[in-house]
Amino acid sequence: MLVTILLRVIWILNFPDIIYAMTNGGPAGSTHIFATFMIEKVIFGQDYGQASAIGVIIVLILLLFTVFYVKATRVEKGGDF
C-alpha cells in the first residue's frame, strides 16, 4: 500500500498530458502545474534553462514528499502483536 500511494502521487504530479491537452494552460494560465509550465517554456518559449530549473524543482518536491511520506508511514519493527 505504501508503494502504491507513493507512486500514485508521483504520477499525478508528473501527469501533464491530460491537463495540457484539455485546457492548454487554461484561462490566463490558471490550470498550469509545474510539468505543463515546463512544457510551455520548452515548446513555445524555447527557454531550456528555465525549463530545466522547473524540472529540478519538480524533482526536489518529489524527493521531499517521498522522504516525508516514508518517515510518516514507517512501522516500528519488533514488539508484541
C-alpha atoms as a PDB file:
ATOM      1  CA  MET A   1       0.000   0.000   0.000  1.00  0.00           C
ATOM      2  CA  LEU A   2       2.872   2.360   0.819  1.00  0.00           C
ATOM      3  CA  VAL A   3       4.461   1.976  -2.592  1.00  0.00           C
ATOM      4  CA  THR A   4       1.133   2.293  -4.417  1.00  0.00           C
ATOM      5  CA  ILE A   5       0.216   5.585  -2.746  1.00  0.00           C
ATOM      6  CA  LEU A   6       3.715   6.974  -3.200  1.00  0.00           C
ATOM      7  CA  LEU A   7       3.818   6.093  -6.898  1.00  0.00           C
ATOM      8  CA  ARG A   8       0.314   7.467  -7.476  1.00  0.00           C
ATOM      9  CA  VAL A   9       1.258  10.861  -6.053  1.00  0.00           C
ATOM     10  CA  ILE A  10       4.403  10.958  -8.188  1.00  0.00           C
ATOM     11  CA  TRP A  11       2.417  10.042 -11.326  1.00  0.00           C
ATOM     12  CA  ILE A  12      -0.237  12.671 -10.644  1.00  0.00           C
ATOM     13  CA  LEU A  13       2.379  15.390 -10.169  1.00  0.00           C
ATOM     14  CA  ASN A  14       4.051  14.440 -13.435  1.00  0.00           C
ATOM     15  CA  PHE A  15       0.899  13.825 -15.467  1.00  0.00           C
ATOM     16  CA  PRO A  16       0.760  16.883 -17.696  1.00  0.00           C
ATOM     17  CA  ASP A  17      -0.638  15.351 -20.878  1.00  0.00           C
ATOM     18  CA  ILE A  18      -4.317  15.327 -19.874  1.00  0.00           C
ATOM     19  CA  ILE A  19      -4.216  18.801 -18.334  1.00  0.00           C
ATOM     20  CA  TYR A  20      -2.314  20.236 -21.271  1.00  0.00           C
ATOM     21  CA  ALA A  21      -4.474  18.523 -23.893  1.00  0.00           C
ATOM     22  CA  MET A  22      -7.761  19.597 -22.308  1.00  0.00           C
ATOM     23  CA  THR A  23      -7.026  23.151 -21.205  1.00  0.00           C
ATOM     24  CA  ASN A  24      -3.703  24.179 -22.766  1.00  0.00           C
ATOM     25  CA  GLY A  25      -2.968  26.081 -19.577  1.00  0.00           C
ATOM     26  CA  GLY A  26      -6.495  27.311 -19.145  1.00  0.00           C
ATOM     27  CA  PRO A  27      -7.685  30.875 -18.947  1.00  0.00           C
ATOM     28  CA  ALA A  28      -4.713  33.066 -18.022  1.00  0.00           C
ATOM     29  CA  GLY A  29      -2.610  30.018 -17.073  1.00  0.00           C
ATOM     30  CA  SER A  30      -4.862  29.047 -14.175  1.00  0.00           C
ATOM     31  CA  THR A  31      -4.614  25.289 -14.764  1.00  0.00           C
ATOM     32  CA  HIS A  32      -0.843  25.071 -15.157  1.00  0.00           C
ATOM     33  CA  ILE A  33       1.049  22.659 -12.952  1.00  0.00           C
ATOM     34  CA  PHE A  34       4.847  22.591 -12.862  1.00  0.00           C
ATOM     35  CA  ALA A  35       5.057  19.985 -15.612  1.00  0.00           C
ATOM     36  CA  THR A  36       2.755  21.847 -18.031  1.00  0.00           C
ATOM     37  CA  PHE A  37       4.560  25.100 -17.293  1.00  0.00           C
ATOM     38  CA  MET A  38       7.822  23.343 -18.159  1.00  0.00           C
ATOM     39  CA  ILE A  39       6.329  22.114 -21.457  1.00  0.00           C
ATOM     40  CA  GLU A  40       5.179  25.645 -22.220  1.00  0.00           C
ATOM     41  CA  LYS A  41       8.679  27.024 -21.625  1.00  0.00           C
ATOM     42  CA  VAL A  42      10.354  24.435 -23.846  1.00  0.00           C
ATOM     43  CA  ILE A  43       7.939  24.281 -26.777  1.00  0.00           C
ATOM     44  CA  PHE A  44       6.772  27.854 -27.114  1.00  0.00           C
ATOM     45  CA  GLY A  45       9.369  29.855 -25.206  1.00  0.00           C
ATOM     46  CA  GLN A  46      12.498  27.969 -26.300  1.00  0.00           C
ATOM     47  CA  ASP A  47      13.820  28.680 -22.790  1.00  0.00           C
ATOM     48  CA  TYR A  48      15.631  25.459 -21.955  1.00  0.00           C
ATOM     49  CA  GLY A  49      17.400  26.887 -18.927  1.00  0.00           C
ATOM     50  CA  GLN A  50      14.214  27.903 -17.156  1.00  0.00           C
ATOM     51  CA  ALA A  51      12.528  24.637 -18.140  1.00  0.00           C
ATOM     52  CA  SER A  52      15.388  22.624 -16.659  1.00  0.00           C
ATOM     53  CA  ALA A  53      15.211  24.708 -13.471  1.00  0.00           C
ATOM     54  CA  ILE A  54      11.496  23.872 -13.227  1.00  0.00           C
ATOM     55  CA  GLY A  55      12.388  20.200 -13.723  1.00  0.00           C
ATOM     56  CA  VAL A  56      14.856  20.376 -10.834  1.00  0.00           C
ATOM     57  CA  ILE A  57      12.158  21.964  -8.647  1.00  0.00           C
ATOM     58  CA  ILE A  58       9.797  19.096  -9.542  1.00  0.00           C
ATOM     59  CA  VAL A  59      12.435  16.529  -8.570  1.00  0.00           C
ATOM     60  CA  LEU A  60      13.116  18.308  -5.256  1.00  0.00           C
ATOM     61  CA  ILE A  61       9.408  18.482  -4.396  1.00  0.00           C
ATOM     62  CA  LEU A  62       9.016  14.773  -5.138  1.00  0.00           C
ATOM     63  CA  LEU A  63      12.113  13.946  -3.090  1.00  0.00           C
ATOM     64  CA  LEU A  64      10.839  15.930  -0.097  1.00  0.00           C
ATOM     65  CA  PHE A  65       7.423  14.319  -0.357  1.00  0.00           C
ATOM     66  CA  THR A  66       8.949  10.842  -0.587  1.00  0.00           C
ATOM     67  CA  VAL A  67      11.142  11.346   2.464  1.00  0.00           C
ATOM     68  CA  PHE A  68       8.253  12.788   4.472  1.00  0.00           C
ATOM     69  CA  TYR A  69       5.849  10.045   3.399  1.00  0.00           C
ATOM     70  CA  VAL A  70       8.245   7.206   4.138  1.00  0.00           C
ATOM     71  CA  LYS A  71       9.067   8.622   7.584  1.00  0.00           C
ATOM     72  CA  ALA A  72       5.401   9.238   8.381  1.00  0.00           C
ATOM     73  CA  THR A  73       4.336   5.708   7.463  1.00  0.00           C
ATOM     74  CA  ARG A  74       7.284   3.841   8.949  1.00  0.00           C
ATOM     75  CA  VAL A  75       6.231   0.847  11.005  1.00  0.00           C
ATOM     76  CA  GLU A  76       8.314   0.012  14.031  1.00  0.00           C
ATOM     77  CA  LYS A  77       9.716  -3.491  13.910  1.00  0.00           C
ATOM     78  CA  GLY A  78       9.677  -5.858  16.842  1.00  0.00           C
ATOM     79  CA  GLY A  79       7.428  -5.882  19.854  1.00  0.00           C
ATOM     80  CA  ASP A  80       4.383  -7.947  20.650  1.00  0.00           C
ATOM     81  CA  PHE A  81       1.297  -8.058  18.491  1.00  0.00           C
END
